[in-house]
């Protein structure tokens, strides 16, 4: 495969978005403090060891703060966060099958 630019940012640019820092802070999630701490410590240890392929499934209804939670976690650790695009270039939402294919 040939790419004019190198690196994962260039490779995945068409399917992902780098998220900006969150407006929230860790204390905004004190209602789930135990879970927040567990996830934070797990990801921090994995990142410090340079482990790859470490995943956490966070599920719930739309609009409950899942993306903001992981954004706050990544900010707190100084890590970059990328999101699989959920809308096409026309701004319309991708179907579930299309978003899965994008992933």
PDB file of N, CA and C in Angstrom:
ATOM      1  N   UNK A   1       0.849  -1.174   0.000  1.00  0.00           N
ATOM      2  CA  UNK A   1       0.000   0.000   0.000  1.00  0.00           C
ATOM      3  C   UNK A   1       0.886   1.226   0.000  1.00  0.00           C
ATOM      4  N   UNK A   2       0.474   2.234  -0.717  1.00  0.00           N
ATOM      5  CA  UNK A   2       1.250   3.453  -0.817  1.00  0.00           C
ATOM      6  C   UNK A   2       0.433   4.633  -0.297  1.00  0.00           C
ATOM      7  N   UNK A   3       1.037   5.396   0.583  1.00  0.00           N
ATOM      8  CA  UNK A   3       0.418   6.605   1.108  1.00  0.00           C
ATOM      9  C   UNK A   3       1.437   7.717   1.032  1.00  0.00           C
ATOM     10  N   UNK A   4       1.000   8.891   0.618  1.00  0.00           N
ATOM     11  CA  UNK A   4       1.914  10.017   0.564  1.00  0.00           C
ATOM     12  C   UNK A   4       2.339  10.455   1.956  1.00  0.00           C
ATOM     13  N   UNK A   5       1.474  10.254   2.926  1.00  0.00           N
ATOM     14  CA  UNK A   5       1.792  10.601   4.304  1.00  0.00           C
ATOM     15  C   UNK A   5       1.936   9.317   5.099  1.00  0.00           C
ATOM     16  N   UNK A   6       2.784   9.352   6.091  1.00  0.00           N
ATOM     17  CA  UNK A   6       2.986   8.172   6.935  1.00  0.00           C
ATOM     18  C   UNK A   6       2.277   8.342   8.267  1.00  0.00           C
ATOM     19  N   UNK A   7       2.048   7.239   8.912  1.00  0.00           N
ATOM     20  CA  UNK A   7       1.492   7.275  10.258  1.00  0.00           C
ATOM     21  C   UNK A   7       0.016   6.956  10.291  1.00  0.00           C
ATOM     22  N   UNK A   8      -0.459   6.598  11.490  1.00  0.00           N
ATOM     23  CA  UNK A   8      -1.864   6.208  11.641  1.00  0.00           C
ATOM     24  C   UNK A   8      -2.848   7.341  11.371  1.00  0.00           C
ATOM     25  N   UNK A   9      -2.470   8.591  11.664  1.00  0.00           N
ATOM     26  CA  UNK A   9      -3.380   9.708  11.398  1.00  0.00           C
ATOM     27  C   UNK A   9      -3.735   9.762   9.918  1.00  0.00           C
ATOM     28  N   UNK A  10      -2.735   9.631   9.068  1.00  0.00           N
ATOM     29  CA  UNK A  10      -2.972   9.683   7.625  1.00  0.00           C
ATOM     30  C   UNK A  10      -3.734   8.456   7.145  1.00  0.00           C
ATOM     31  N   UNK A  11      -3.390   7.305   7.695  1.00  0.00           N
ATOM     32  CA  UNK A  11      -4.012   6.059   7.260  1.00  0.00           C
ATOM     33  C   UNK A  11      -5.506   6.012   7.572  1.00  0.00           C
ATOM     34  N   UNK A  12      -5.886   6.515   8.751  1.00  0.00           N
ATOM     35  CA  UNK A  12      -7.270   6.390   9.193  1.00  0.00           C
ATOM     36  C   UNK A  12      -8.079   7.680   9.082  1.00  0.00           C
ATOM     37  N   UNK A  13      -7.526   8.710   8.490  1.00  0.00           N
ATOM     38  CA  UNK A  13      -8.184  10.014   8.421  1.00  0.00           C
ATOM     39  C   UNK A  13      -9.585   9.965   7.820  1.00  0.00           C
ATOM     40  N   UNK A  14      -9.800   9.126   6.836  1.00  0.00           N
ATOM     41  CA  UNK A  14     -11.115   9.108   6.184  1.00  0.00           C
ATOM     42  C   UNK A  14     -12.190   8.439   7.036  1.00  0.00           C
ATOM     43  N   UNK A  15     -11.792   7.680   8.050  1.00  0.00           N
ATOM     44  CA  UNK A  15     -12.773   6.946   8.860  1.00  0.00           C
ATOM     45  C   UNK A  15     -12.848   7.376  10.312  1.00  0.00           C
ATOM     46  N   UNK A  16     -11.937   8.235  10.756  1.00  0.00           N
ATOM     47  CA  UNK A  16     -11.918   8.624  12.164  1.00  0.00           C
ATOM     48  C   UNK A  16     -11.775  10.130  12.326  1.00  0.00           C
ATOM     49  N   UNK A  17     -12.106  10.584  13.523  1.00  0.00           N
ATOM     50  CA  UNK A  17     -11.931  11.987  13.910  1.00  0.00           C
ATOM     51  C   UNK A  17     -11.134  12.018  15.202  1.00  0.00           C
ATOM     52  N   UNK A  18     -10.134  12.883  15.273  1.00  0.00           N
ATOM     53  CA  UNK A  18      -9.431  13.087  16.533  1.00  0.00           C
ATOM     54  C   UNK A  18     -10.279  14.044  17.348  1.00  0.00           C
ATOM     55  N   UNK A  19     -10.662  13.619  18.537  1.00  0.00           N
ATOM     56  CA  UNK A  19     -11.551  14.435  19.355  1.00  0.00           C
ATOM     57  C   UNK A  19     -10.783  15.529  20.079  1.00  0.00           C
ATOM     58  N   UNK A  20     -11.362  16.714  20.166  1.00  0.00           N
ATOM     59  CA  UNK A  20     -10.735  17.790  20.942  1.00  0.00           C
ATOM     60  C   UNK A  20     -10.872  17.499  22.434  1.00  0.00           C
ATOM     61  N   UNK A  21     -10.091  18.181  23.267  1.00  0.00           N
ATOM     62  CA  UNK A  21     -10.218  17.975  24.714  1.00  0.00           C
ATOM     63  C   UNK A  21     -11.650  18.233  25.185  1.00  0.00           C
ATOM     64  N   UNK A  22     -12.032  17.529  26.215  1.00  0.00           N
ATOM     65  CA  UNK A  22     -13.377  17.657  26.775  1.00  0.00           C
ATOM     66  C   UNK A  22     -13.506  18.931  27.600  1.00  0.00           C
ATOM     67  N   UNK A  23     -14.718  19.428  27.709  1.00  0.00           N
ATOM     68  CA  UNK A  23     -15.020  20.548  28.600  1.00  0.00           C
ATOM     69  C   UNK A  23     -15.274  20.054  30.024  1.00  0.00           C
ATOM     70  N   UNK A  24     -15.388  18.733  30.181  1.00  0.00           N
ATOM     71  CA  UNK A  24     -15.648  18.151  31.491  1.00  0.00           C
ATOM     72  C   UNK A  24     -14.333  17.800  32.184  1.00  0.00           C
ATOM     73  N   UNK A  25     -14.416  17.495  33.472  1.00  0.00           N
ATOM     74  CA  UNK A  25     -13.260  17.109  34.275  1.00  0.00           C
ATOM     75  C   UNK A  25     -13.602  15.832  35.038  1.00  0.00           C
ATOM     76  N   UNK A  26     -12.589  15.121  35.547  1.00  0.00           N
ATOM     77  CA  UNK A  26     -12.871  13.852  36.232  1.00  0.00           C
ATOM     78  C   UNK A  26     -13.923  13.944  37.333  1.00  0.00           C
ATOM     79  N   UNK A  27     -13.969  15.036  38.075  1.00  0.00           N
ATOM     80  CA  UNK A  27     -14.949  15.129  39.169  1.00  0.00           C
ATOM     81  C   UNK A  27     -16.389  15.165  38.654  1.00  0.00           C
ATOM     82  N   UNK A  28     -16.580  15.434  37.368  1.00  0.00           N
ATOM     83  CA  UNK A  28     -17.930  15.389  36.800  1.00  0.00           C
ATOM     84  C   UNK A  28     -18.470  13.958  36.762  1.00  0.00           C
ATOM     85  N   UNK A  29     -17.589  12.984  36.986  1.00  0.00           N
ATOM     86  CA  UNK A  29     -17.993  11.582  36.959  1.00  0.00           C
ATOM     87  C   UNK A  29     -17.898  10.932  38.332  1.00  0.00           C
ATOM     88  N   UNK A  30     -17.995  11.746  39.387  1.00  0.00           N
ATOM     89  CA  UNK A  30     -17.874  11.191  40.736  1.00  0.00           C
ATOM     90  C   UNK A  30     -19.009  10.225  41.070  1.00  0.00           C
ATOM     91  N   UNK A  31     -20.139  10.312  40.347  1.00  0.00           N
ATOM     92  CA  UNK A  31     -21.238   9.377  40.577  1.00  0.00           C
ATOM     93  C   UNK A  31     -20.894   7.955  40.133  1.00  0.00           C
ATOM     94  N   UNK A  32     -19.812   7.799  39.355  1.00  0.00           N
ATOM     95  CA  UNK A  32     -19.319   6.481  38.960  1.00  0.00           C
ATOM     96  C   UNK A  32     -17.820   6.383  39.287  1.00  0.00           C
ATOM     97  N   UNK A  33     -17.430   6.953  40.400  1.00  0.00           N
ATOM     98  CA  UNK A  33     -16.009   7.077  40.770  1.00  0.00           C
ATOM     99  C   UNK A  33     -15.278   5.739  40.770  1.00  0.00           C
ATOM    100  N   UNK A  34     -15.885   4.710  41.327  1.00  0.00           N
ATOM    101  CA  UNK A  34     -15.212   3.413  41.397  1.00  0.00           C
ATOM    102  C   UNK A  34     -14.928   2.872  39.999  1.00  0.00           C
ATOM    103  N   UNK A  35     -15.892   2.955  39.117  1.00  0.00           N
ATOM    104  CA  UNK A  35     -15.701   2.494  37.745  1.00  0.00           C
ATOM    105  C   UNK A  35     -14.688   3.369  37.026  1.00  0.00           C
ATOM    106  N   UNK A  36     -14.792   4.686  37.193  1.00  0.00           N
ATOM    107  CA  UNK A  36     -13.837   5.615  36.580  1.00  0.00           C
ATOM    108  C   UNK A  36     -12.417   5.254  37.005  1.00  0.00           C
ATOM    109  N   UNK A  37     -12.189   5.067  38.298  1.00  0.00           N
ATOM    110  CA  UNK A  37     -10.850   4.751  38.802  1.00  0.00           C
ATOM    111  C   UNK A  37     -10.336   3.432  38.249  1.00  0.00           C
ATOM    112  N   UNK A  38     -11.204   2.452  38.185  1.00  0.00           N
ATOM    113  CA  UNK A  38     -10.800   1.137  37.669  1.00  0.00           C
ATOM    114  C   UNK A  38     -10.376   1.240  36.206  1.00  0.00           C
ATOM    115  N   UNK A  39     -11.160   1.909  35.396  1.00  0.00           N
ATOM    116  CA  UNK A  39     -10.830   2.066  33.984  1.00  0.00           C
ATOM    117  C   UNK A  39      -9.566   2.913  33.826  1.00  0.00           C
ATOM    118  N   UNK A  40      -9.475   4.004  34.568  1.00  0.00           N
ATOM    119  CA  UNK A  40      -8.301   4.880  34.504  1.00  0.00           C
ATOM    120  C   UNK A  40      -7.021   4.089  34.809  1.00  0.00           C
ATOM    121  N   UNK A  41      -7.022   3.342  35.912  1.00  0.00           N
ATOM    122  CA  UNK A  41      -5.833   2.589  36.305  1.00  0.00           C
ATOM    123  C   UNK A  41      -5.469   1.506  35.293  1.00  0.00           C
ATOM    124  N   UNK A  42      -6.478   0.858  34.737  1.00  0.00           N
ATOM    125  CA  UNK A  42      -6.240  -0.188  33.742  1.00  0.00           C
ATOM    126  C   UNK A  42      -5.587   0.394  32.485  1.00  0.00           C
ATOM    127  N   UNK A  43      -6.161   1.455  31.961  1.00  0.00           N
ATOM    128  CA  UNK A  43      -5.623   2.061  30.741  1.00  0.00           C
ATOM    129  C   UNK A  43      -4.252   2.696  31.004  1.00  0.00           C
ATOM    130  N   UNK A  44      -4.095   3.345  32.144  1.00  0.00           N
ATOM    131  CA  UNK A  44      -2.814   3.981  32.478  1.00  0.00           C
ATOM    132  C   UNK A  44      -1.694   2.940  32.538  1.00  0.00           C
ATOM    133  N   UNK A  45      -1.971   1.808  33.196  1.00  0.00           N
ATOM    134  CA  UNK A  45      -0.957   0.747  33.274  1.00  0.00           C
ATOM    135  C   UNK A  45      -0.638   0.188  31.886  1.00  0.00           C
ATOM    136  N   UNK A  46      -1.663  -0.045  31.087  1.00  0.00           N
ATOM    137  CA  UNK A  46      -1.454  -0.585  29.743  1.00  0.00           C
ATOM    138  C   UNK A  46      -0.635   0.390  28.898  1.00  0.00           C
ATOM    139  N   UNK A  47      -0.955   1.677  28.985  1.00  0.00           N
ATOM    140  CA  UNK A  47      -0.231   2.685  28.207  1.00  0.00           C
ATOM    141  C   UNK A  47       1.215   2.804  28.676  1.00  0.00           C
ATOM    142  N   UNK A  48       1.447   2.742  29.972  1.00  0.00           N
ATOM    143  CA  UNK A  48       2.812   2.870  30.489  1.00  0.00           C
ATOM    144  C   UNK A  48       3.687   1.686  30.082  1.00  0.00           C
ATOM    145  N   UNK A  49       3.063   0.539  29.843  1.00  0.00           N
ATOM    146  CA  UNK A  49       3.796  -0.645  29.400  1.00  0.00           C
ATOM    147  C   UNK A  49       3.884  -0.733  27.877  1.00  0.00           C
ATOM    148  N   UNK A  50       3.218   0.203  27.185  1.00  0.00           N
ATOM    149  CA  UNK A  50       3.237   0.187  25.726  1.00  0.00           C
ATOM    150  C   UNK A  50       2.411  -0.933  25.119  1.00  0.00           C
ATOM    151  N   UNK A  51       1.443  -1.444  25.876  1.00  0.00           N
ATOM    152  CA  UNK A  51       0.603  -2.521  25.358  1.00  0.00           C
ATOM    153  C   UNK A  51      -0.304  -2.013  24.252  1.00  0.00           C
ATOM    154  N   UNK A  52      -0.549  -2.848  23.277  1.00  0.00           N
ATOM    155  CA  UNK A  52      -1.446  -2.497  22.180  1.00  0.00           C
ATOM    156  C   UNK A  52      -2.629  -3.452  22.177  1.00  0.00           C
ATOM    157  N   UNK A  53      -3.734  -3.007  21.613  1.00  0.00           N
ATOM    158  CA  UNK A  53      -4.910  -3.849  21.519  1.00  0.00           C
ATOM    159  C   UNK A  53      -5.672  -3.975  22.818  1.00  0.00           C
ATOM    160  N   UNK A  54      -5.519  -3.003  23.702  1.00  0.00           N
ATOM    161  CA  UNK A  54      -6.242  -2.992  24.966  1.00  0.00           C
ATOM    162  C   UNK A  54      -7.574  -2.303  24.718  1.00  0.00           C
ATOM    163  N   UNK A  55      -8.656  -2.958  25.077  1.00  0.00           N
ATOM    164  CA  UNK A  55      -9.984  -2.429  24.789  1.00  0.00           C
ATOM    165  C   UNK A  55     -10.876  -2.477  26.015  1.00  0.00           C
ATOM    166  N   UNK A  56     -11.811  -1.558  26.055  1.00  0.00           N
ATOM    167  CA  UNK A  56     -12.846  -1.539  27.081  1.00  0.00           C
ATOM    168  C   UNK A  56     -14.160  -1.271  26.372  1.00  0.00           C
ATOM    169  N   UNK A  57     -15.161  -2.062  26.667  1.00  0.00           N
ATOM    170  CA  UNK A  57     -16.488  -1.856  26.103  1.00  0.00           C
ATOM    171  C   UNK A  57     -17.300  -0.995  27.059  1.00  0.00           C
ATOM    172  N   UNK A  58     -17.759   0.136  26.564  1.00  0.00           N
ATOM    173  CA  UNK A  58     -18.647   1.011  27.329  1.00  0.00           C
ATOM    174  C   UNK A  58     -19.943   1.093  26.541  1.00  0.00           C
ATOM    175  N   UNK A  59     -21.021   0.662  27.140  1.00  0.00           N
ATOM    176  CA  UNK A  59     -22.291   0.614  26.431  1.00  0.00           C
ATOM    177  C   UNK A  59     -23.345   1.397  27.196  1.00  0.00           C
ATOM    178  N   UNK A  60     -24.346   1.810  26.483  1.00  0.00           N
ATOM    179  CA  UNK A  60     -25.452   2.533  27.092  1.00  0.00           C
ATOM    180  C   UNK A  60     -26.247   3.258  26.029  1.00  0.00           C
ATOM    181  N   UNK A  61     -27.306   3.854  26.444  1.00  0.00           N
ATOM    182  CA  UNK A  61     -28.180   4.582  25.529  1.00  0.00           C
ATOM    183  C   UNK A  61     -27.460   5.805  24.974  1.00  0.00           C
ATOM    184  N   UNK A  62     -27.865   6.249  23.782  1.00  0.00           N
ATOM    185  CA  UNK A  62     -27.276   7.465  23.221  1.00  0.00           C
ATOM    186  C   UNK A  62     -27.496   8.659  24.149  1.00  0.00           C
ATOM    187  N   UNK A  63     -26.475   9.502  24.243  1.00  0.00           N
ATOM    188  CA  UNK A  63     -26.599  10.728  25.014  1.00  0.00           C
ATOM    189  C   UNK A  63     -26.354  10.589  26.506  1.00  0.00           C
ATOM    190  N   UNK A  64     -25.816   9.445  26.938  1.00  0.00           N
ATOM    191  CA  UNK A  64     -25.602   9.251  28.373  1.00  0.00           C
ATOM    192  C   UNK A  64     -24.204   9.641  28.835  1.00  0.00           C
ATOM    193  N   UNK A  65     -23.332  10.047  27.901  1.00  0.00           N
ATOM    194  CA  UNK A  65     -22.006  10.539  28.281  1.00  0.00           C
ATOM    195  C   UNK A  65     -20.861   9.570  28.075  1.00  0.00           C
ATOM    196  N   UNK A  66     -21.062   8.528  27.292  1.00  0.00           N
ATOM    197  CA  UNK A  66     -20.002   7.544  27.069  1.00  0.00           C
ATOM    198  C   UNK A  66     -18.784   8.180  26.409  1.00  0.00           C
ATOM    199  N   UNK A  67     -19.001   8.953  25.357  1.00  0.00           N
ATOM    200  CA  UNK A  67     -17.887   9.588  24.653  1.00  0.00           C
ATOM    201  C   UNK A  67     -17.203  10.614  25.534  1.00  0.00           C
ATOM    202  N   UNK A  68     -17.967  11.387  26.285  1.00  0.00           N
ATOM    203  CA  UNK A  68     -17.365  12.372  27.192  1.00  0.00           C
ATOM    204  C   UNK A  68     -16.541  11.686  28.270  1.00  0.00           C
ATOM    205  N   UNK A  69     -17.009  10.545  28.759  1.00  0.00           N
ATOM    206  CA  UNK A  69     -16.263   9.808  29.772  1.00  0.00           C
ATOM    207  C   UNK A  69     -14.892   9.401  29.246  1.00  0.00           C
ATOM    208  N   UNK A  70     -14.848   8.772  28.088  1.00  0.00           N
ATOM    209  CA  UNK A  70     -13.554   8.334  27.563  1.00  0.00           C
ATOM    210  C   UNK A  70     -12.693   9.524  27.153  1.00  0.00           C
ATOM    211  N   UNK A  71     -13.330  10.611  26.761  1.00  0.00           N
ATOM    212  CA  UNK A  71     -12.578  11.823  26.429  1.00  0.00           C
ATOM    213  C   UNK A  71     -11.901  12.387  27.682  1.00  0.00           C
ATOM    214  N   UNK A  72     -12.614  12.441  28.794  1.00  0.00           N
ATOM    215  CA  UNK A  72     -12.041  12.913  30.056  1.00  0.00           C
ATOM    216  C   UNK A  72     -10.919  11.979  30.498  1.00  0.00           C
ATOM    217  N   UNK A  73     -11.125  10.680  30.379  1.00  0.00           N
ATOM    218  CA  UNK A  73     -10.085   9.718  30.737  1.00  0.00           C
ATOM    219  C   UNK A  73      -8.827   9.934  29.900  1.00  0.00           C
ATOM    220  N   UNK A  74      -8.987  10.074  28.592  1.00  0.00           N
ATOM    221  CA  UNK A  74      -7.811  10.251  27.736  1.00  0.00           C
ATOM    222  C   UNK A  74      -7.116  11.577  28.026  1.00  0.00           C
ATOM    223  N   UNK A  75      -7.890  12.635  28.281  1.00  0.00           N
ATOM    224  CA  UNK A  75      -7.291  13.926  28.659  1.00  0.00           C
ATOM    225  C   UNK A  75      -6.474  13.789  29.935  1.00  0.00           C
ATOM    226  N   UNK A  76      -7.034  13.101  30.930  1.00  0.00           N
ATOM    227  CA  UNK A  76      -6.365  12.953  32.225  1.00  0.00           C
ATOM    228  C   UNK A  76      -5.051  12.186  32.102  1.00  0.00           C
ATOM    229  N   UNK A  77      -4.947  11.328  31.094  1.00  0.00           N
ATOM    230  CA  UNK A  77      -3.737  10.537  30.903  1.00  0.00           C
ATOM    231  C   UNK A  77      -2.808  11.119  29.845  1.00  0.00           C
ATOM    232  N   UNK A  78      -3.254  12.186  29.179  1.00  0.00           N
ATOM    233  CA  UNK A  78      -2.436  12.774  28.127  1.00  0.00           C
ATOM    234  C   UNK A  78      -2.394  11.932  26.866  1.00  0.00           C
ATOM    235  N   UNK A  79      -3.459  11.189  26.604  1.00  0.00           N
ATOM    236  CA  UNK A  79      -3.550  10.334  25.421  1.00  0.00           C
ATOM    237  C   UNK A  79      -4.478  10.963  24.382  1.00  0.00           C
ATOM    238  N   UNK A  80      -4.269  10.616  23.134  1.00  0.00           N
ATOM    239  CA  UNK A  80      -5.150  11.079  22.060  1.00  0.00           C
ATOM    240  C   UNK A  80      -6.332  10.129  21.945  1.00  0.00           C
ATOM    241  N   UNK A  81      -7.473  10.676  21.571  1.00  0.00           N
ATOM    242  CA  UNK A  81      -8.686   9.879  21.423  1.00  0.00           C
ATOM    243  C   UNK A  81      -9.240  10.080  20.022  1.00  0.00           C
ATOM    244  N   UNK A  82      -9.538   8.975  19.372  1.00  0.00           N
ATOM    245  CA  UNK A  82     -10.110   8.999  18.035  1.00  0.00           C
ATOM    246  C   UNK A  82     -11.478   8.339  18.069  1.00  0.00           C
ATOM    247  N   UNK A  83     -12.366   8.878  17.269  1.00  0.00           N
ATOM    248  CA  UNK A  83     -13.732   8.357  17.190  1.00  0.00           C
ATOM    249  C   UNK A  83     -13.987   7.897  15.765  1.00  0.00           C
ATOM    250  N   UNK A  84     -14.625   6.735  15.617  1.00  0.00           N
ATOM    251  CA  UNK A  84     -15.051   6.299  14.296  1.00  0.00           C
ATOM    252  C   UNK A  84     -16.154   7.247  13.847  1.00  0.00           C
ATOM    253  N   UNK A  85     -16.037   7.761  12.636  1.00  0.00           N
ATOM    254  CA  UNK A  85     -17.018   8.732  12.143  1.00  0.00           C
ATOM    255  C   UNK A  85     -18.421   8.136  12.174  1.00  0.00           C
ATOM    256  N   UNK A  86     -19.364   8.971  12.557  1.00  0.00           N
ATOM    257  CA  UNK A  86     -20.755   8.525  12.621  1.00  0.00           C
ATOM    258  C   UNK A  86     -21.620   9.216  11.575  1.00  0.00           C
ATOM    259  N   UNK A  87     -21.007  10.103  10.781  1.00  0.00           N
ATOM    260  CA  UNK A  87     -21.748  10.764   9.708  1.00  0.00           C
ATOM    261  C   UNK A  87     -20.869  10.822   8.465  1.00  0.00           C
ATOM    262  N   UNK A  88     -21.536  10.888   7.323  1.00  0.00           N
ATOM    263  CA  UNK A  88     -20.834  10.942   6.054  1.00  0.00           C
ATOM    264  C   UNK A  88     -20.380  12.356   5.733  1.00  0.00           C
ATOM    265  N   UNK A  89     -19.733  12.504   4.589  1.00  0.00           N
ATOM    266  CA  UNK A  89     -19.230  13.817   4.176  1.00  0.00           C
ATOM    267  C   UNK A  89     -20.368  14.809   3.943  1.00  0.00           C
ATOM    268  N   UNK A  90     -21.586  14.296   3.741  1.00  0.00           N
ATOM    269  CA  UNK A  90     -22.747  15.157   3.554  1.00  0.00           C
ATOM    270  C   UNK A  90     -23.386  15.560   4.882  1.00  0.00           C
ATOM    271  N   UNK A  91     -22.818  15.072   6.003  1.00  0.00           N
ATOM    272  CA  UNK A  91     -23.346  15.410   7.322  1.00  0.00           C
ATOM    273  C   UNK A  91     -24.471  14.514   7.805  1.00  0.00           C
ATOM    274  N   UNK A  92     -24.942  13.631   6.942  1.00  0.00           N
ATOM    275  CA  UNK A  92     -26.025  12.728   7.331  1.00  0.00           C
ATOM    276  C   UNK A  92     -25.473  11.551   8.122  1.00  0.00           C
ATOM    277  N   UNK A  93     -26.215  11.083   9.135  1.00  0.00           N
ATOM    278  CA  UNK A  93     -25.736   9.947   9.945  1.00  0.00           C
ATOM    279  C   UNK A  93     -25.525   8.701   9.095  1.00  0.00           C
ATOM    280  N   UNK A  94     -24.479   7.950   9.415  1.00  0.00           N
ATOM    281  CA  UNK A  94     -24.251   6.677   8.750  1.00  0.00           C
ATOM    282  C   UNK A  94     -25.201   5.644   9.330  1.00  0.00           C
ATOM    283  N   UNK A  95     -25.612   4.703   8.509  1.00  0.00           N
ATOM    284  CA  UNK A  95     -26.421   3.596   9.008  1.00  0.00           C
ATOM    285  C   UNK A  95     -25.544   2.733   9.905  1.00  0.00           C
ATOM    286  N   UNK A  96     -26.154   1.906  10.718  1.00  0.00           N
ATOM    287  CA  UNK A  96     -25.399   1.032  11.605  1.00  0.00           C
ATOM    288  C   UNK A  96     -24.425   0.142  10.837  1.00  0.00           C
ATOM    289  N   UNK A  97     -24.882  -0.427   9.703  1.00  0.00           N
ATOM    290  CA  UNK A  97     -24.021  -1.281   8.906  1.00  0.00           C
ATOM    291  C   UNK A  97     -22.842  -0.497   8.320  1.00  0.00           C
ATOM    292  N   UNK A  98     -23.110   0.716   7.850  1.00  0.00           N
ATOM    293  CA  UNK A  98     -22.046   1.535   7.262  1.00  0.00           C
ATOM    294  C   UNK A  98     -21.040   1.980   8.333  1.00  0.00           C
ATOM    295  N   UNK A  99     -21.530   2.312   9.508  1.00  0.00           N
ATOM    296  CA  UNK A  99     -20.615   2.708  10.576  1.00  0.00           C
ATOM    297  C   UNK A  99     -19.745   1.511  11.000  1.00  0.00           C
ATOM    298  N   UNK A 100     -20.341   0.338  11.084  1.00  0.00           N
ATOM    299  CA  UNK A 100     -19.586  -0.849  11.414  1.00  0.00           C
ATOM    300  C   UNK A 100     -18.521  -1.118  10.345  1.00  0.00           C
ATOM    301  N   UNK A 101     -18.890  -0.959   9.079  1.00  0.00           N
ATOM    302  CA  UNK A 101     -17.925  -1.144   7.996  1.00  0.00           C
ATOM    303  C   UNK A 101     -16.804  -0.104   8.081  1.00  0.00           C
ATOM    304  N   UNK A 102     -17.137   1.104   8.471  1.00  0.00           N
ATOM    305  CA  UNK A 102     -16.134   2.145   8.641  1.00  0.00           C
ATOM    306  C   UNK A 102     -15.162   1.760   9.740  1.00  0.00           C
ATOM    307  N   UNK A 103     -15.718   1.188  10.809  1.00  0.00           N
ATOM    308  CA  UNK A 103     -14.876   0.745  11.921  1.00  0.00           C
ATOM    309  C   UNK A 103     -13.918  -0.325  11.458  1.00  0.00           C
TER     310      UNK A 103
END
